């Protein structure tokens, strides 16, 4: 067991989508239901950038600078100074009660992001793909809470979480196509729901457990090898950062908590991982 240490104050309501990139100088994440992108400064301060949307689902660097933000129903592009350059049309009507939730980039630099129903309706979610030509297409559907995804270092496989299945699944990735989805790990009842994930340099998976007060590390064979404990229950995402990508940064939420419950919820935490993580894949557009 490893204990995580607090890095920020509990400044977020529902912190999610942690990602480290040297292109923007360190750690970014989202305060999802407030529609903001947060950046950790070298002095420990946090900058908050509103996106203009009620939801900021995820953020990733762009190959030529700046970043892409997935909002409630759109893909948006921003320059390095935080000015919005472009916003796509909403991909569905607001009345559908669907929002984007979490994702990542594939080896070709296309952005994959899944959706979910606000009511968590079974099977209402879809995984979408957004490419450098600024077009979006459906990849697969019938998901409930589409969550973390990440590729192995050799680009041959993709790990994926639909939280309601209580599984981490794995796909083969061949010529840009996802094939043969199958279970990789079943998370035991009572351990929390699998949420965001990151892949390490040895093809192990580190997965945040919402309601479980922990991050689990499963090695490439699917064996649970490490547990990072946290002093709050709702763990939402994790990523590797620091000079050698060996520090695990972890986001947490205070969604559904009373004001006097878990006073550290909404903070970012960090823990030594003992292994290097994979570098974030940037968006090609």
Protein backbone atom coordinates (compact mmCIF):
# COMPACT_ATOMS: atom_id res chain seq x y z
CA UNK A 1 0.00 0.00 0.00
CA UNK A 2 1.14 3.53 -0.87
CA UNK A 3 -0.43 6.69 0.56
CA UNK A 4 -0.94 9.76 -1.59
CA UNK A 5 -0.10 13.30 -0.48
CA UNK A 6 -2.22 16.37 -1.11
CA UNK A 7 -0.94 18.69 -3.87
CA UNK A 8 -3.71 21.30 -4.16
CA UNK A 9 -6.43 22.68 -1.95
CA UNK A 10 -9.92 21.20 -2.49
CA UNK A 11 -10.69 23.75 -5.19
CA UNK A 12 -12.73 21.57 -7.57
CA UNK A 13 -16.24 20.19 -7.30
CA UNK A 14 -15.66 17.29 -9.70
CA UNK A 15 -11.99 17.20 -10.69
CA UNK A 16 -11.36 14.83 -13.61
CA UNK A 17 -9.17 14.12 -16.61
CA UNK A 18 -5.67 14.64 -15.20
CA UNK A 19 -2.99 14.85 -17.91
CA UNK A 20 0.67 15.88 -17.85
CA UNK A 21 2.35 17.44 -20.87
CA UNK A 22 5.71 19.15 -21.15
CA UNK A 23 4.18 21.13 -24.03
CA UNK A 24 2.17 23.17 -21.56
CA UNK A 25 4.58 22.86 -18.66
CA UNK A 26 3.05 20.24 -16.40
CA UNK A 27 -0.38 19.21 -15.13
CA UNK A 28 -3.83 20.12 -16.39
CA UNK A 29 -7.20 18.69 -15.39
CA UNK A 30 -10.84 19.72 -15.54
CA UNK A 31 -13.44 20.78 -13.01
CA UNK A 32 -15.93 18.93 -15.13
CA UNK A 33 -19.35 20.15 -14.03
CA UNK A 34 -18.17 23.75 -13.75
CA UNK A 35 -16.85 23.76 -17.31
CA UNK A 36 -13.31 24.81 -16.38
CA UNK A 37 -9.79 23.68 -17.30
CA UNK A 38 -7.32 23.89 -14.40
CA UNK A 39 -3.51 24.21 -14.62
CA UNK A 40 -1.02 23.60 -11.83
CA UNK A 41 1.69 26.25 -11.67
CA UNK A 42 5.31 25.61 -10.73
CA UNK A 43 4.70 27.48 -7.46
CA UNK A 44 1.69 25.30 -6.58
CA UNK A 45 -0.88 27.87 -7.65
CA UNK A 46 -3.81 26.81 -9.84
CA UNK A 47 -5.10 28.73 -12.87
CA UNK A 48 -8.75 28.25 -13.79
CA UNK A 49 -9.87 28.75 -17.42
CA UNK A 50 -13.62 28.77 -18.15
CA UNK A 51 -14.56 27.10 -21.45
CA UNK A 52 -17.95 28.79 -21.77
CA UNK A 53 -19.68 25.42 -21.48
CA UNK A 54 -21.43 23.86 -18.50
CA UNK A 55 -19.15 20.81 -18.92
CA UNK A 56 -15.42 20.43 -19.57
CA UNK A 57 -15.03 16.70 -20.09
CA UNK A 58 -11.34 16.40 -20.99
CA UNK A 59 -8.28 18.25 -22.30
CA UNK A 60 -5.31 17.13 -24.43
CA UNK A 61 -2.34 18.95 -26.02
CA UNK A 62 -2.25 19.60 -29.76
CA UNK A 63 0.74 18.64 -31.90
CA UNK A 64 1.42 22.20 -33.04
CA UNK A 65 0.68 23.89 -29.72
CA UNK A 66 -2.42 24.75 -27.76
CA UNK A 67 -4.93 22.18 -26.68
CA UNK A 68 -8.25 20.52 -27.45
CA UNK A 69 -11.10 20.58 -24.95
CA UNK A 70 -14.16 18.36 -25.17
CA UNK A 71 -17.13 20.19 -23.70
CA UNK A 72 -20.70 19.01 -23.08
CA UNK A 73 -21.55 18.20 -26.72
CA UNK A 74 -18.70 19.68 -28.77
CA UNK A 75 -15.02 19.42 -29.65
CA UNK A 76 -13.20 22.76 -29.27
CA UNK A 77 -9.68 23.94 -30.18
CA UNK A 78 -7.65 26.48 -28.19
CA UNK A 79 -4.30 28.19 -28.70
CA UNK A 80 -1.45 28.11 -26.20
CA UNK A 81 -2.66 31.35 -24.59
CA UNK A 82 -6.11 29.96 -23.83
CA UNK A 83 -7.98 31.63 -26.70
CA UNK A 84 -10.61 29.52 -28.41
CA UNK A 85 -9.80 29.10 -32.11
CA UNK A 86 -12.65 26.85 -33.19
CA UNK A 87 -15.72 25.05 -31.88
CA UNK A 88 -17.59 22.30 -33.64
CA UNK A 89 -21.34 22.06 -33.88
CA UNK A 90 -23.05 20.16 -31.05
CA UNK A 91 -23.19 16.46 -31.93
CA UNK A 92 -26.68 15.97 -30.51
CA UNK A 93 -29.57 18.02 -29.18
CA UNK A 94 -29.48 19.25 -25.59
CA UNK A 95 -32.85 17.57 -25.04
CA UNK A 96 -31.17 14.18 -25.41
CA UNK A 97 -29.76 14.55 -21.89
CA UNK A 98 -26.33 13.27 -22.97
CA UNK A 99 -22.89 14.71 -22.20
CA UNK A 100 -19.28 13.84 -23.01
CA UNK A 101 -17.31 12.28 -20.18
CA UNK A 102 -13.73 11.03 -20.77
CA UNK A 103 -11.28 9.85 -23.43
CA UNK A 104 -7.82 10.16 -24.96
CA UNK A 105 -5.91 10.20 -28.26
CA UNK A 106 -5.07 7.18 -30.40
CA UNK A 107 -1.66 6.54 -32.03
CA UNK A 108 -2.79 8.44 -35.15
CA UNK A 109 -3.54 11.53 -33.08
CA UNK A 110 -7.31 11.20 -33.35
CA UNK A 111 -9.26 12.04 -30.20
CA UNK A 112 -11.56 9.37 -28.77
CA UNK A 113 -14.13 10.54 -26.24
CA UNK A 114 -17.15 8.73 -24.85
CA UNK A 115 -20.48 10.04 -23.68
CA UNK A 116 -23.07 9.15 -21.05
CA UNK A 117 -26.60 10.06 -20.07
CA UNK A 118 -27.03 12.55 -17.22
CA UNK A 119 -29.44 9.96 -15.79
CA UNK A 120 -26.86 7.18 -16.38
CA UNK A 121 -29.32 5.36 -18.62
CA UNK A 122 -27.91 1.93 -19.53
CA UNK A 123 -26.53 1.80 -23.08
CA UNK A 124 -27.19 5.48 -23.87
CA UNK A 125 -23.53 6.42 -24.35
CA UNK A 126 -21.35 6.40 -27.46
CA UNK A 127 -17.61 6.61 -28.12
CA UNK A 128 -16.81 9.27 -30.75
CA UNK A 129 -13.65 9.94 -32.75
CA UNK A 130 -12.52 13.44 -33.75
CA UNK A 131 -9.77 13.80 -36.35
CA UNK A 132 -7.36 16.46 -37.62
CA UNK A 133 -9.81 17.38 -40.39
CA UNK A 134 -12.23 18.43 -37.65
CA UNK A 135 -14.77 15.74 -38.40
CA UNK A 136 -16.39 13.50 -35.81
CA UNK A 137 -17.74 9.99 -36.20
CA UNK A 138 -19.25 7.31 -33.98
CA UNK A 139 -16.91 4.41 -33.15
CA UNK A 140 -19.16 2.23 -30.99
CA UNK A 141 -22.17 2.63 -28.75
CA UNK A 142 -24.17 0.75 -26.12
CA UNK A 143 -22.08 2.08 -23.22
CA UNK A 144 -23.41 3.52 -19.98
CA UNK A 145 -20.61 5.56 -18.34
CA UNK A 146 -17.86 5.75 -20.95
CA UNK A 147 -14.71 6.46 -19.01
CA UNK A 148 -10.93 6.13 -19.11
CA UNK A 149 -9.00 4.74 -22.08
CA UNK A 150 -5.32 4.38 -22.96
CA UNK A 151 -2.98 2.60 -25.36
CA UNK A 152 -0.04 0.32 -24.69
CA UNK A 153 3.43 1.62 -25.51
CA UNK A 154 3.68 -0.43 -28.72
CA UNK A 155 0.26 0.84 -29.93
CA UNK A 156 -1.07 -2.71 -30.25
CA UNK A 157 -3.85 -2.57 -27.64
CA UNK A 158 -6.27 -0.13 -26.01
CA UNK A 159 -7.60 -0.42 -22.46
CA UNK A 160 -11.12 0.94 -21.90
CA UNK A 161 -13.56 1.42 -19.03
CA UNK A 162 -17.35 1.54 -19.09
CA UNK A 163 -17.78 2.07 -15.35
CA UNK A 164 -21.07 0.21 -15.00
CA UNK A 165 -19.50 -3.03 -16.26
CA UNK A 166 -17.02 -2.96 -13.32
CA UNK A 167 -14.36 -3.99 -15.85
CA UNK A 168 -11.30 -2.75 -17.63
CA UNK A 169 -11.64 -4.11 -21.16
CA UNK A 170 -8.95 -4.40 -23.81
CA UNK A 171 -9.13 -4.05 -27.60
CA UNK A 172 -6.59 -5.02 -30.22
CA UNK A 173 -5.58 -2.03 -32.33
CA UNK A 174 -4.77 -2.95 -35.93
CA UNK A 175 -4.31 -0.48 -38.81
CA UNK A 176 -6.17 2.23 -36.92
CA UNK A 177 -9.15 0.00 -36.06
CA UNK A 178 -10.27 -1.30 -32.65
CA UNK A 179 -10.94 -5.05 -32.69
CA UNK A 180 -11.90 -7.92 -30.38
CA UNK A 181 -13.09 -6.17 -27.21
CA UNK A 182 -12.68 -8.49 -24.23
CA UNK A 183 -12.40 -8.29 -20.42
CA UNK A 184 -8.95 -7.56 -19.01
CA UNK A 185 -9.73 -7.02 -15.30
CA UNK A 186 -12.89 -7.36 -13.23
CA UNK A 187 -12.89 -4.92 -10.29
CA UNK A 188 -14.31 -6.66 -7.26
CA UNK A 189 -17.57 -5.52 -5.66
CA UNK A 190 -17.01 -3.03 -2.86
CA UNK A 191 -13.73 -1.70 -4.26
CA UNK A 192 -15.34 1.25 -6.02
CA UNK A 193 -16.24 1.78 -9.68
CA UNK A 194 -13.43 1.93 -12.27
CA UNK A 195 -13.12 5.48 -13.60
CA UNK A 196 -10.18 7.21 -15.32
CA UNK A 197 -7.02 5.27 -16.14
CA UNK A 198 -3.45 5.65 -17.37
CA UNK A 199 -1.05 3.09 -18.86
CA UNK A 200 2.52 2.72 -17.61
CA UNK A 201 5.68 1.95 -19.59
CA UNK A 202 5.35 -1.76 -18.77
CA UNK A 203 1.76 -1.95 -20.12
CA UNK A 204 0.28 -1.97 -16.65
CA UNK A 205 -2.94 -0.08 -15.96
CA UNK A 206 -3.52 2.37 -13.11
CA UNK A 207 -7.24 2.95 -12.58
CA UNK A 208 -9.02 5.41 -10.29
CA UNK A 209 -11.78 3.83 -8.20
CA UNK A 210 -14.77 6.11 -7.68
CA UNK A 211 -16.14 5.39 -4.24
CA UNK A 212 -13.15 3.21 -3.44
CA UNK A 213 -10.64 5.69 -1.90
CA UNK A 214 -7.88 4.20 -4.02
CA UNK A 215 -6.06 3.77 -7.32
CA UNK A 216 -5.38 0.16 -8.34
CA UNK A 217 -2.38 -0.88 -10.42
CA UNK A 218 -2.84 -4.01 -12.53
CA UNK A 219 0.23 -5.34 -14.34
CA UNK A 220 0.22 -6.43 -18.00
CA UNK A 221 -1.17 -9.85 -17.00
CA UNK A 222 -4.09 -8.27 -15.10
CA UNK A 223 -2.70 -9.01 -11.63
CA UNK A 224 -3.31 -6.41 -8.92
CA UNK A 225 0.18 -5.35 -7.84
CA UNK A 226 -0.19 -1.95 -6.13
CA UNK A 227 -2.83 0.02 -4.25
CA UNK A 228 -2.56 3.77 -3.70
CA UNK A 229 -4.74 4.84 -0.78
CA UNK A 230 -6.37 8.27 -0.50
CA UNK A 231 -8.11 10.07 2.37
CA UNK A 232 -11.24 10.74 0.28
CA UNK A 233 -13.60 8.30 -1.42
CA UNK A 234 -14.40 9.60 -4.90
CA UNK A 235 -11.27 9.05 -7.00
CA UNK A 236 -11.78 10.09 -10.61
CA UNK A 237 -8.58 9.99 -12.70
CA UNK A 238 -4.82 9.55 -12.61
CA UNK A 239 -1.84 10.35 -14.81
CA UNK A 240 1.93 10.14 -14.67
CA UNK A 241 3.94 13.34 -14.39
CA UNK A 242 7.09 14.92 -13.09
CA UNK A 243 10.51 15.10 -14.80
CA UNK A 244 10.73 11.33 -15.33
CA UNK A 245 6.97 10.53 -15.44
CA UNK A 246 7.20 8.48 -12.24
CA UNK A 247 4.82 10.49 -10.04
CA UNK A 248 1.15 9.53 -10.12
CA UNK A 249 -1.17 12.56 -10.00
CA UNK A 250 -4.71 11.79 -8.88
CA UNK A 251 -7.92 13.83 -9.08
CA UNK A 252 -10.86 13.57 -6.68
CA UNK A 253 -14.46 14.73 -6.48
CA UNK A 254 -16.89 15.97 -3.88
CA UNK A 255 -19.90 15.16 -6.03
CA UNK A 256 -22.78 14.04 -3.79
CA UNK A 257 -20.98 14.96 -0.55
CA UNK A 258 -22.32 17.28 2.12
CA UNK A 259 -20.32 20.44 2.77
CA UNK A 260 -18.92 19.05 6.02
CA UNK A 261 -17.97 15.64 4.59
CA UNK A 262 -14.45 14.72 3.46
CA UNK A 263 -12.94 18.23 3.57
CA UNK A 264 -10.07 17.26 1.25
CA UNK A 265 -12.35 15.99 -1.53
CA UNK A 266 -11.83 17.98 -4.73
CA UNK A 267 -8.06 18.17 -4.20
CA UNK A 268 -5.33 16.77 -6.44
CA UNK A 269 -3.02 14.22 -4.79
CA UNK A 270 0.29 12.66 -5.80
CA UNK A 271 2.15 9.44 -5.01
CA UNK A 272 5.37 7.77 -6.16
CA UNK A 273 4.53 5.06 -8.67
CA UNK A 274 7.77 3.09 -8.83
CA UNK A 275 7.40 2.85 -12.62
CA UNK A 276 7.38 5.36 -15.47
CA UNK A 277 4.20 6.23 -17.28
CA UNK A 278 3.53 6.56 -20.98
CA UNK A 279 3.76 10.02 -22.53
CA UNK A 280 0.44 11.65 -23.39
CA UNK A 281 -0.50 11.29 -27.06
CA UNK A 282 -1.31 14.72 -28.53
CA UNK A 283 -4.20 15.56 -30.84
CA UNK A 284 -3.03 15.84 -34.46
CA UNK A 285 -5.21 18.80 -35.41
